[in-house]
């Protein structure tokens, strides 16, 4: 198997900073999907959600140019639990998590790999409100923060509230944990927080990334306009939530181009200016160790 060194990587025209081509949903045609993205000038960060998918992300990063990895334990994988299509959204498939305990040494060893550019996705997910689950999520989140601190690499955060608006706020809880524990910056992937939460995370120096959902849901517009452009990045979260005009299909990294176009449209800014700034944001946040 050919290994690709960092010296082969070049600055791309777009970046999907959070996708899962390492997932089994891409097993039938993974190489074709990756080639389409590279041919379209799309660089990728393949994101792990537990130890095995994190290792797969590293493997892919080392065998493909312009691909990087994030390693971490997703909060929904900290307990044995079932996740259905209603929860996962378009492009997903039902699965049952075996439950994994965050092991600092195992993830730190993965984090040392030069193609690993972030730790995550990790954070808090309150979609299923169960105190035992929340306790496990917080413990794992703290371990992932410690890994990021030790590796001196940014965090890739998954934060999601439950449907009960009167319940605990995952964003506020995560903010408090980060404020007390994190020594590195963080990106809030698939950001869906409100103005209050946005201000708090901006004050922490965080960045925010948006998916194809912004092409068909208008409740993200206010926040996208509010956040400074140098704090915004684009992602697909593939295979989930494909953007218009691909909605209802399996998502893939190439479709991040539609996300970048929509960010520019929502902000009322020139498309090329937005594209260039989003690339610069990725370069500054995740790829500082590479020579351009």
C-alpha atoms as a PDB file:
ATOM      1  CA  UNK A   1       0.000   0.000   0.000  1.00  0.00           C
ATOM      2  CA  UNK A   2       1.497   3.320  -1.065  1.00  0.00           C
ATOM      3  CA  UNK A   3       1.921   5.941   1.629  1.00  0.00           C
ATOM      4  CA  UNK A   4       1.508   9.598   0.716  1.00  0.00           C
ATOM      5  CA  UNK A   5       3.757  12.027   2.562  1.00  0.00           C
ATOM      6  CA  UNK A   6       2.715  15.480   3.743  1.00  0.00           C
ATOM      7  CA  UNK A   7       5.011  16.957   1.084  1.00  0.00           C
ATOM      8  CA  UNK A   8       2.594  15.773  -1.602  1.00  0.00           C
ATOM      9  CA  UNK A   9      -0.299  17.758  -0.188  1.00  0.00           C
ATOM     10  CA  UNK A  10      -1.254  20.997  -1.895  1.00  0.00           C
ATOM     11  CA  UNK A  11      -3.674  23.760  -1.108  1.00  0.00           C
ATOM     12  CA  UNK A  12      -7.064  22.879  -2.599  1.00  0.00           C
ATOM     13  CA  UNK A  13      -9.859  25.162  -3.783  1.00  0.00           C
ATOM     14  CA  UNK A  14     -12.367  23.814  -1.255  1.00  0.00           C
ATOM     15  CA  UNK A  15     -12.249  21.840   1.983  1.00  0.00           C
ATOM     16  CA  UNK A  16     -14.734  19.415   3.467  1.00  0.00           C
ATOM     17  CA  UNK A  17     -13.427  19.626   7.015  1.00  0.00           C
ATOM     18  CA  UNK A  18     -15.789  16.985   8.383  1.00  0.00           C
ATOM     19  CA  UNK A  19     -16.854  13.911   6.465  1.00  0.00           C
ATOM     20  CA  UNK A  20     -16.938  10.162   6.973  1.00  0.00           C
ATOM     21  CA  UNK A  21     -15.665   8.468   3.827  1.00  0.00           C
ATOM     22  CA  UNK A  22     -14.098   6.067   6.339  1.00  0.00           C
ATOM     23  CA  UNK A  23     -17.594   4.739   7.146  1.00  0.00           C
ATOM     24  CA  UNK A  24     -18.874   1.445   5.737  1.00  0.00           C
ATOM     25  CA  UNK A  25     -21.473   3.298   3.656  1.00  0.00           C
ATOM     26  CA  UNK A  26     -18.656   4.126   1.227  1.00  0.00           C
ATOM     27  CA  UNK A  27     -17.237   0.597   1.001  1.00  0.00           C
ATOM     28  CA  UNK A  28     -18.676  -0.107  -2.478  1.00  0.00           C
ATOM     29  CA  UNK A  29     -17.176   2.961  -4.196  1.00  0.00           C
ATOM     30  CA  UNK A  30     -14.888   4.778  -1.754  1.00  0.00           C
ATOM     31  CA  UNK A  31     -12.050   5.268  -4.242  1.00  0.00           C
ATOM     32  CA  UNK A  32     -14.379   6.743  -6.856  1.00  0.00           C
ATOM     33  CA  UNK A  33     -15.845   9.153  -4.276  1.00  0.00           C
ATOM     34  CA  UNK A  34     -12.402  10.314  -3.179  1.00  0.00           C
ATOM     35  CA  UNK A  35     -11.228  10.736  -6.787  1.00  0.00           C
ATOM     36  CA  UNK A  36     -14.283  12.856  -7.630  1.00  0.00           C
ATOM     37  CA  UNK A  37     -13.463  15.135  -4.739  1.00  0.00           C
ATOM     38  CA  UNK A  38      -9.795  15.449  -5.645  1.00  0.00           C
ATOM     39  CA  UNK A  39     -10.617  16.092  -9.297  1.00  0.00           C
ATOM     40  CA  UNK A  40     -12.966  18.880  -8.152  1.00  0.00           C
ATOM     41  CA  UNK A  41     -10.239  20.462  -5.985  1.00  0.00           C
ATOM     42  CA  UNK A  42     -11.782  19.388  -2.683  1.00  0.00           C
ATOM     43  CA  UNK A  43      -9.491  18.525   0.239  1.00  0.00           C
ATOM     44  CA  UNK A  44     -10.913  16.391   3.035  1.00  0.00           C
ATOM     45  CA  UNK A  45     -10.677  15.665   6.731  1.00  0.00           C
ATOM     46  CA  UNK A  46     -11.973  12.168   7.392  1.00  0.00           C
ATOM     47  CA  UNK A  47     -13.365  12.034  10.919  1.00  0.00           C
ATOM     48  CA  UNK A  48     -13.328   9.091  13.306  1.00  0.00           C
ATOM     49  CA  UNK A  49     -16.130   8.420  15.771  1.00  0.00           C
ATOM     50  CA  UNK A  50     -14.538   5.569  17.744  1.00  0.00           C
ATOM     51  CA  UNK A  51     -11.223   3.714  17.742  1.00  0.00           C
ATOM     52  CA  UNK A  52     -11.787   1.622  14.604  1.00  0.00           C
ATOM     53  CA  UNK A  53     -13.138   4.417  12.401  1.00  0.00           C
ATOM     54  CA  UNK A  54     -10.356   6.678  13.675  1.00  0.00           C
ATOM     55  CA  UNK A  55      -7.745   4.156  12.549  1.00  0.00           C
ATOM     56  CA  UNK A  56      -9.500   3.889   9.170  1.00  0.00           C
ATOM     57  CA  UNK A  57      -9.401   7.680   8.814  1.00  0.00           C
ATOM     58  CA  UNK A  58      -5.629   7.662   9.350  1.00  0.00           C
ATOM     59  CA  UNK A  59      -5.174   4.840   6.852  1.00  0.00           C
ATOM     60  CA  UNK A  60      -7.083   6.777   4.200  1.00  0.00           C
ATOM     61  CA  UNK A  61      -5.169   9.968   4.943  1.00  0.00           C
ATOM     62  CA  UNK A  62      -1.856   8.196   4.411  1.00  0.00           C
ATOM     63  CA  UNK A  63      -2.891   6.669   1.104  1.00  0.00           C
ATOM     64  CA  UNK A  64      -4.481   9.732  -0.508  1.00  0.00           C
ATOM     65  CA  UNK A  65      -3.184  13.193  -1.230  1.00  0.00           C
ATOM     66  CA  UNK A  66      -5.047  16.144   0.243  1.00  0.00           C
ATOM     67  CA  UNK A  67      -6.771  14.003   2.839  1.00  0.00           C
ATOM     68  CA  UNK A  68      -6.293  14.306   6.584  1.00  0.00           C
ATOM     69  CA  UNK A  69      -7.733  12.610   9.654  1.00  0.00           C
ATOM     70  CA  UNK A  70      -9.428  13.475  12.923  1.00  0.00           C
ATOM     71  CA  UNK A  71      -9.475  10.851  15.670  1.00  0.00           C
ATOM     72  CA  UNK A  72     -11.897  10.695  18.560  1.00  0.00           C
ATOM     73  CA  UNK A  73     -14.797   9.119  20.400  1.00  0.00           C
ATOM     74  CA  UNK A  74     -18.251  10.412  19.465  1.00  0.00           C
ATOM     75  CA  UNK A  75     -20.593  10.928  22.442  1.00  0.00           C
ATOM     76  CA  UNK A  76     -23.218   8.528  21.089  1.00  0.00           C
ATOM     77  CA  UNK A  77     -20.614   5.759  21.078  1.00  0.00           C
ATOM     78  CA  UNK A  78     -19.900   6.018  24.802  1.00  0.00           C
ATOM     79  CA  UNK A  79     -22.935   3.845  25.676  1.00  0.00           C
ATOM     80  CA  UNK A  80     -24.643   0.825  24.186  1.00  0.00           C
ATOM     81  CA  UNK A  81     -27.515   2.366  22.246  1.00  0.00           C
ATOM     82  CA  UNK A  82     -29.590   2.142  19.072  1.00  0.00           C
ATOM     83  CA  UNK A  83     -29.743   5.000  16.572  1.00  0.00           C
ATOM     84  CA  UNK A  84     -32.449   5.179  13.934  1.00  0.00           C
ATOM     85  CA  UNK A  85     -32.985   7.046  10.674  1.00  0.00           C
ATOM     86  CA  UNK A  86     -35.062   9.769  12.319  1.00  0.00           C
ATOM     87  CA  UNK A  87     -32.092  10.645  14.488  1.00  0.00           C
ATOM     88  CA  UNK A  88     -29.373  10.217  11.861  1.00  0.00           C
ATOM     89  CA  UNK A  89     -31.057  11.982   8.964  1.00  0.00           C
ATOM     90  CA  UNK A  90     -30.677  11.575   5.195  1.00  0.00           C
ATOM     91  CA  UNK A  91     -27.837   9.363   4.097  1.00  0.00           C
ATOM     92  CA  UNK A  92     -27.615   7.404   7.316  1.00  0.00           C
ATOM     93  CA  UNK A  93     -28.557   3.859   8.231  1.00  0.00           C
ATOM     94  CA  UNK A  94     -29.690   2.439  11.552  1.00  0.00           C
ATOM     95  CA  UNK A  95     -27.005   1.049  13.816  1.00  0.00           C
ATOM     96  CA  UNK A  96     -26.441  -0.088  17.376  1.00  0.00           C
ATOM     97  CA  UNK A  97     -23.398   1.257  19.214  1.00  0.00           C
ATOM     98  CA  UNK A  98     -21.421  -1.256  21.237  1.00  0.00           C
ATOM     99  CA  UNK A  99     -20.295   1.423  23.681  1.00  0.00           C
ATOM    100  CA  UNK A 100     -16.632   2.350  24.100  1.00  0.00           C
ATOM    101  CA  UNK A 101     -14.689   3.726  27.036  1.00  0.00           C
ATOM    102  CA  UNK A 102     -12.326   6.552  26.093  1.00  0.00           C
ATOM    103  CA  UNK A 103      -8.736   5.412  26.558  1.00  0.00           C
ATOM    104  CA  UNK A 104      -6.310   8.327  26.778  1.00  0.00           C
ATOM    105  CA  UNK A 105      -3.183   6.420  25.759  1.00  0.00           C
ATOM    106  CA  UNK A 106      -4.776   4.746  22.728  1.00  0.00           C
ATOM    107  CA  UNK A 107      -6.105   8.003  21.315  1.00  0.00           C
ATOM    108  CA  UNK A 108      -2.943   9.938  22.128  1.00  0.00           C
ATOM    109  CA  UNK A 109      -0.909   7.412  20.140  1.00  0.00           C
ATOM    110  CA  UNK A 110      -3.235   7.936  17.158  1.00  0.00           C
ATOM    111  CA  UNK A 111      -3.126  11.704  17.655  1.00  0.00           C
ATOM    112  CA  UNK A 112       0.658  11.756  17.214  1.00  0.00           C
ATOM    113  CA  UNK A 113       0.337  10.709  13.570  1.00  0.00           C
ATOM    114  CA  UNK A 114       1.382  13.619  11.306  1.00  0.00           C
ATOM    115  CA  UNK A 115      -1.721  13.247   9.145  1.00  0.00           C
ATOM    116  CA  UNK A 116      -4.008  13.699  12.179  1.00  0.00           C
ATOM    117  CA  UNK A 117      -5.021  17.365  12.263  1.00  0.00           C
ATOM    118  CA  UNK A 118      -7.758  17.317  14.927  1.00  0.00           C
ATOM    119  CA  UNK A 119      -9.138  15.379  17.882  1.00  0.00           C
ATOM    120  CA  UNK A 120     -12.769  14.402  17.523  1.00  0.00           C
ATOM    121  CA  UNK A 121     -15.454  14.216  16.850  1.00  0.00           C
ATOM    122  CA  UNK A 122     -16.167  14.464  20.526  1.00  0.00           C
ATOM    123  CA  UNK A 123     -18.496  16.430  22.755  1.00  0.00           C
ATOM    124  CA  UNK A 124     -22.011  16.162  24.157  1.00  0.00           C
ATOM    125  CA  UNK A 125     -25.160  14.800  22.544  1.00  0.00           C
ATOM    126  CA  UNK A 126     -28.406  15.290  24.464  1.00  0.00           C
ATOM    127  CA  UNK A 127     -30.728  13.824  21.823  1.00  0.00           C
ATOM    128  CA  UNK A 128     -31.391  10.913  24.199  1.00  0.00           C
ATOM    129  CA  UNK A 129     -31.632  12.357  27.688  1.00  0.00           C
ATOM    130  CA  UNK A 130     -30.313   9.685  30.031  1.00  0.00           C
ATOM    131  CA  UNK A 131     -28.202  10.740  33.011  1.00  0.00           C
ATOM    132  CA  UNK A 132     -25.971   7.660  32.898  1.00  0.00           C
ATOM    133  CA  UNK A 133     -25.275   8.323  29.226  1.00  0.00           C
ATOM    134  CA  UNK A 134     -24.587  12.016  29.841  1.00  0.00           C
ATOM    135  CA  UNK A 135     -22.125  11.168  32.612  1.00  0.00           C
ATOM    136  CA  UNK A 136     -20.243   8.814  30.263  1.00  0.00           C
ATOM    137  CA  UNK A 137     -20.256  11.438  27.518  1.00  0.00           C
ATOM    138  CA  UNK A 138     -18.746  14.047  29.818  1.00  0.00           C
ATOM    139  CA  UNK A 139     -16.038  11.656  30.978  1.00  0.00           C
ATOM    140  CA  UNK A 140     -15.125  10.794  27.376  1.00  0.00           C
ATOM    141  CA  UNK A 141     -15.220  14.463  26.371  1.00  0.00           C
ATOM    142  CA  UNK A 142     -12.738  15.326  29.098  1.00  0.00           C
ATOM    143  CA  UNK A 143     -10.420  12.523  27.954  1.00  0.00           C
ATOM    144  CA  UNK A 144     -10.553  13.782  24.356  1.00  0.00           C
ATOM    145  CA  UNK A 145      -9.777  17.317  25.529  1.00  0.00           C
ATOM    146  CA  UNK A 146      -6.786  15.965  27.441  1.00  0.00           C
ATOM    147  CA  UNK A 147      -5.622  14.150  24.296  1.00  0.00           C
ATOM    148  CA  UNK A 148      -5.937  17.361  22.287  1.00  0.00           C
ATOM    149  CA  UNK A 149      -4.040  19.309  24.927  1.00  0.00           C
ATOM    150  CA  UNK A 150      -1.243  16.730  24.989  1.00  0.00           C
ATOM    151  CA  UNK A 151      -1.013  16.495  21.194  1.00  0.00           C
ATOM    152  CA  UNK A 152      -1.445  20.271  20.791  1.00  0.00           C
ATOM    153  CA  UNK A 153      -4.048  19.747  18.090  1.00  0.00           C
ATOM    154  CA  UNK A 154      -7.484  21.411  17.806  1.00  0.00           C
ATOM    155  CA  UNK A 155     -10.740  19.780  18.843  1.00  0.00           C
ATOM    156  CA  UNK A 156     -13.488  18.780  16.416  1.00  0.00           C
ATOM    157  CA  UNK A 157     -16.703  19.087  18.426  1.00  0.00           C
ATOM    158  CA  UNK A 158     -20.061  17.370  18.131  1.00  0.00           C
ATOM    159  CA  UNK A 159     -22.630  19.192  20.241  1.00  0.00           C
ATOM    160  CA  UNK A 160     -26.361  18.554  19.933  1.00  0.00           C
ATOM    161  CA  UNK A 161     -29.347  19.442  22.080  1.00  0.00           C
ATOM    162  CA  UNK A 162     -32.353  17.241  22.621  1.00  0.00           C
ATOM    163  CA  UNK A 163     -35.868  17.974  21.374  1.00  0.00           C
ATOM    164  CA  UNK A 164     -36.973  19.093  24.844  1.00  0.00           C
ATOM    165  CA  UNK A 165     -36.317  22.843  24.857  1.00  0.00           C
ATOM    166  CA  UNK A 166     -36.700  22.924  28.651  1.00  0.00           C
ATOM    167  CA  UNK A 167     -33.982  20.301  29.124  1.00  0.00           C
ATOM    168  CA  UNK A 168     -30.258  20.886  29.688  1.00  0.00           C
ATOM    169  CA  UNK A 169     -28.329  22.814  27.040  1.00  0.00           C
ATOM    170  CA  UNK A 170     -25.479  20.775  25.541  1.00  0.00           C
ATOM    171  CA  UNK A 171     -23.836  23.908  24.136  1.00  0.00           C
ATOM    172  CA  UNK A 172     -23.692  25.650  27.498  1.00  0.00           C
ATOM    173  CA  UNK A 173     -22.436  22.517  29.243  1.00  0.00           C
ATOM    174  CA  UNK A 174     -19.762  21.959  26.595  1.00  0.00           C
ATOM    175  CA  UNK A 175     -18.713  25.596  26.781  1.00  0.00           C
ATOM    176  CA  UNK A 176     -18.148  25.323  30.529  1.00  0.00           C
ATOM    177  CA  UNK A 177     -16.077  22.158  30.156  1.00  0.00           C
ATOM    178  CA  UNK A 178     -13.964  23.707  27.395  1.00  0.00           C
ATOM    179  CA  UNK A 179     -13.441  26.906  29.342  1.00  0.00           C
ATOM    180  CA  UNK A 180     -12.192  24.988  32.363  1.00  0.00           C
ATOM    181  CA  UNK A 181     -10.158  22.275  30.629  1.00  0.00           C
ATOM    182  CA  UNK A 182      -9.154  22.985  27.023  1.00  0.00           C
ATOM    183  CA  UNK A 183      -5.808  24.540  26.134  1.00  0.00           C
ATOM    184  CA  UNK A 184      -6.372  24.308  22.386  1.00  0.00           C
ATOM    185  CA  UNK A 185      -8.884  25.849  19.993  1.00  0.00           C
ATOM    186  CA  UNK A 186     -12.000  24.016  18.856  1.00  0.00           C
ATOM    187  CA  UNK A 187     -14.292  23.824  15.846  1.00  0.00           C
ATOM    188  CA  UNK A 188     -18.019  23.309  16.338  1.00  0.00           C
ATOM    189  CA  UNK A 189     -19.039  20.949  13.558  1.00  0.00           C
ATOM    190  CA  UNK A 190     -22.592  21.036  12.114  1.00  0.00           C
ATOM    191  CA  UNK A 191     -23.202  24.114  14.207  1.00  0.00           C
ATOM    192  CA  UNK A 192     -26.809  24.695  15.268  1.00  0.00           C
ATOM    193  CA  UNK A 193     -26.482  26.941  18.308  1.00  0.00           C
ATOM    194  CA  UNK A 194     -28.289  30.207  18.929  1.00  0.00           C
ATOM    195  CA  UNK A 195     -26.944  33.733  19.273  1.00  0.00           C
ATOM    196  CA  UNK A 196     -26.229  33.409  23.013  1.00  0.00           C
ATOM    197  CA  UNK A 197     -24.168  30.249  22.522  1.00  0.00           C
ATOM    198  CA  UNK A 198     -22.427  31.697  19.463  1.00  0.00           C
ATOM    199  CA  UNK A 199     -21.154  34.698  21.412  1.00  0.00           C
ATOM    200  CA  UNK A 200     -19.770  32.445  24.147  1.00  0.00           C
ATOM    201  CA  UNK A 201     -17.875  30.223  21.720  1.00  0.00           C
ATOM    202  CA  UNK A 202     -16.592  33.185  19.733  1.00  0.00           C
ATOM    203  CA  UNK A 203     -15.100  34.523  22.964  1.00  0.00           C
ATOM    204  CA  UNK A 204     -13.262  31.191  23.365  1.00  0.00           C
ATOM    205  CA  UNK A 205     -11.720  31.607  19.916  1.00  0.00           C
ATOM    206  CA  UNK A 206     -13.733  28.779  18.338  1.00  0.00           C
ATOM    207  CA  UNK A 207     -14.547  28.269  14.682  1.00  0.00           C
ATOM    208  CA  UNK A 208     -17.864  27.038  13.278  1.00  0.00           C
ATOM    209  CA  UNK A 209     -18.597  24.760  10.326  1.00  0.00           C
ATOM    210  CA  UNK A 210     -21.821  24.299   8.391  1.00  0.00           C
ATOM    211  CA  UNK A 211     -23.256  21.468   6.294  1.00  0.00           C
ATOM    212  CA  UNK A 212     -25.586  21.087   3.329  1.00  0.00           C
ATOM    213  CA  UNK A 213     -28.577  21.596   5.623  1.00  0.00           C
ATOM    214  CA  UNK A 214     -28.096  25.353   5.105  1.00  0.00           C
ATOM    215  CA  UNK A 215     -29.164  24.924   1.472  1.00  0.00           C
ATOM    216  CA  UNK A 216     -32.716  23.965   2.464  1.00  0.00           C
ATOM    217  CA  UNK A 217     -33.231  25.214   6.057  1.00  0.00           C
ATOM    218  CA  UNK A 218     -33.326  28.942   6.706  1.00  0.00           C
ATOM    219  CA  UNK A 219     -32.929  28.856  10.514  1.00  0.00           C
ATOM    220  CA  UNK A 220     -29.120  28.973  10.124  1.00  0.00           C
ATOM    221  CA  UNK A 221     -29.033  32.233   8.169  1.00  0.00           C
ATOM    222  CA  UNK A 222     -28.895  34.661  11.090  1.00  0.00           C
ATOM    223  CA  UNK A 223     -25.936  32.909  12.714  1.00  0.00           C
ATOM    224  CA  UNK A 224     -24.032  32.566   9.422  1.00  0.00           C
ATOM    225  CA  UNK A 225     -24.400  36.317   8.905  1.00  0.00           C
ATOM    226  CA  UNK A 226     -23.364  37.063  12.495  1.00  0.00           C
ATOM    227  CA  UNK A 227     -20.192  34.955  12.723  1.00  0.00           C
ATOM    228  CA  UNK A 228     -17.102  36.699  11.279  1.00  0.00           C
ATOM    229  CA  UNK A 229     -16.100  35.116   7.980  1.00  0.00           C
ATOM    230  CA  UNK A 230     -12.660  34.197   9.309  1.00  0.00           C
ATOM    231  CA  UNK A 231     -14.321  31.880  11.852  1.00  0.00           C
ATOM    232  CA  UNK A 232     -16.437  29.890   9.344  1.00  0.00           C
ATOM    233  CA  UNK A 233     -15.620  26.637   7.548  1.00  0.00           C
ATOM    234  CA  UNK A 234     -17.484  24.244   5.261  1.00  0.00           C
ATOM    235  CA  UNK A 235     -18.238  20.548   5.654  1.00  0.00           C
ATOM    236  CA  UNK A 236     -20.547  17.811   4.400  1.00  0.00           C
ATOM    237  CA  UNK A 237     -20.830  15.390   7.353  1.00  0.00           C
ATOM    238  CA  UNK A 238     -21.176  12.830   4.566  1.00  0.00           C
ATOM    239  CA  UNK A 239     -22.879  10.437   4.121  1.00  0.00           C
ATOM    240  CA  UNK A 240     -25.551  12.507   5.904  1.00  0.00           C
ATOM    241  CA  UNK A 241     -27.590  15.613   4.902  1.00  0.00           C
ATOM    242  CA  UNK A 242     -26.778  16.067   1.223  1.00  0.00           C
ATOM    243  CA  UNK A 243     -27.333  19.642   0.004  1.00  0.00           C
ATOM    244  CA  UNK A 244     -29.670  20.800  -2.715  1.00  0.00           C
ATOM    245  CA  UNK A 245     -29.550  19.737  -5.583  1.00  0.00           C
ATOM    246  CA  UNK A 246     -28.486  16.327  -4.225  1.00  0.00           C
ATOM    247  CA  UNK A 247     -30.924  16.101  -1.333  1.00  0.00           C
ATOM    248  CA  UNK A 248     -32.187  12.589  -0.667  1.00  0.00           C
ATOM    249  CA  UNK A 249     -28.993  11.030  -2.024  1.00  0.00           C
ATOM    250  CA  UNK A 250     -25.954   9.830  -0.130  1.00  0.00           C
ATOM    251  CA  UNK A 251     -23.785  12.859   0.555  1.00  0.00           C
ATOM    252  CA  UNK A 252     -20.112  13.003  -0.489  1.00  0.00           C
ATOM    253  CA  UNK A 253     -17.189  15.455  -0.162  1.00  0.00           C
ATOM    254  CA  UNK A 254     -17.579  17.007  -3.627  1.00  0.00           C
ATOM    255  CA  UNK A 255     -20.924  18.446  -2.553  1.00  0.00           C
ATOM    256  CA  UNK A 256     -19.179  20.804  -0.127  1.00  0.00           C
ATOM    257  CA  UNK A 257     -18.937  23.173  -3.094  1.00  0.00           C
ATOM    258  CA  UNK A 258     -22.685  23.772  -2.763  1.00  0.00           C
ATOM    259  CA  UNK A 259     -22.229  24.598   0.929  1.00  0.00           C
ATOM    260  CA  UNK A 260     -19.577  27.218   0.145  1.00  0.00           C
ATOM    261  CA  UNK A 261     -21.818  28.785  -2.498  1.00  0.00           C
ATOM    262  CA  UNK A 262     -24.706  28.983  -0.033  1.00  0.00           C
ATOM    263  CA  UNK A 263     -22.574  30.562   2.703  1.00  0.00           C
ATOM    264  CA  UNK A 264     -21.670  33.322   0.231  1.00  0.00           C
ATOM    265  CA  UNK A 265     -25.301  33.732  -0.822  1.00  0.00           C
ATOM    266  CA  UNK A 266     -26.593  33.945   2.753  1.00  0.00           C
ATOM    267  CA  UNK A 267     -23.955  36.521   3.675  1.00  0.00           C
ATOM    268  CA  UNK A 268     -24.465  38.488   0.471  1.00  0.00           C
ATOM    269  CA  UNK A 269     -20.746  38.369  -0.272  1.00  0.00           C
ATOM    270  CA  UNK A 270     -18.788  37.663  -3.440  1.00  0.00           C
ATOM    271  CA  UNK A 271     -18.354  33.927  -3.936  1.00  0.00           C
ATOM    272  CA  UNK A 272     -14.639  33.930  -4.682  1.00  0.00           C
ATOM    273  CA  UNK A 273     -13.881  36.045  -1.623  1.00  0.00           C
ATOM    274  CA  UNK A 274     -15.778  33.605   0.583  1.00  0.00           C
ATOM    275  CA  UNK A 275     -14.160  30.560  -1.009  1.00  0.00           C
ATOM    276  CA  UNK A 276     -10.662  31.957  -0.522  1.00  0.00           C
ATOM    277  CA  UNK A 277     -11.307  32.937   3.098  1.00  0.00           C
ATOM    278  CA  UNK A 278     -12.735  29.525   3.982  1.00  0.00           C
ATOM    279  CA  UNK A 279      -9.623  27.867   2.553  1.00  0.00           C
ATOM    280  CA  UNK A 280      -7.445  30.243   4.570  1.00  0.00           C
ATOM    281  CA  UNK A 281      -9.427  29.356   7.702  1.00  0.00           C
ATOM    282  CA  UNK A 282      -8.744  25.651   7.192  1.00  0.00           C
ATOM    283  CA  UNK A 283      -5.082  26.313   6.540  1.00  0.00           C
ATOM    284  CA  UNK A 284      -4.789  28.381   9.731  1.00  0.00           C
ATOM    285  CA  UNK A 285      -6.821  26.058  11.955  1.00  0.00           C
ATOM    286  CA  UNK A 286      -6.023  22.513  10.877  1.00  0.00           C
ATOM    287  CA  UNK A 287      -3.006  22.580   8.593  1.00  0.00           C
ATOM    288  CA  UNK A 288      -0.425  24.894  10.196  1.00  0.00           C
ATOM    289  CA  UNK A 289       2.271  22.209  10.159  1.00  0.00           C
ATOM    290  CA  UNK A 290       2.275  21.897   6.363  1.00  0.00           C
ATOM    291  CA  UNK A 291       4.527  23.967   4.136  1.00  0.00           C
ATOM    292  CA  UNK A 292       2.616  25.834   1.418  1.00  0.00           C
END
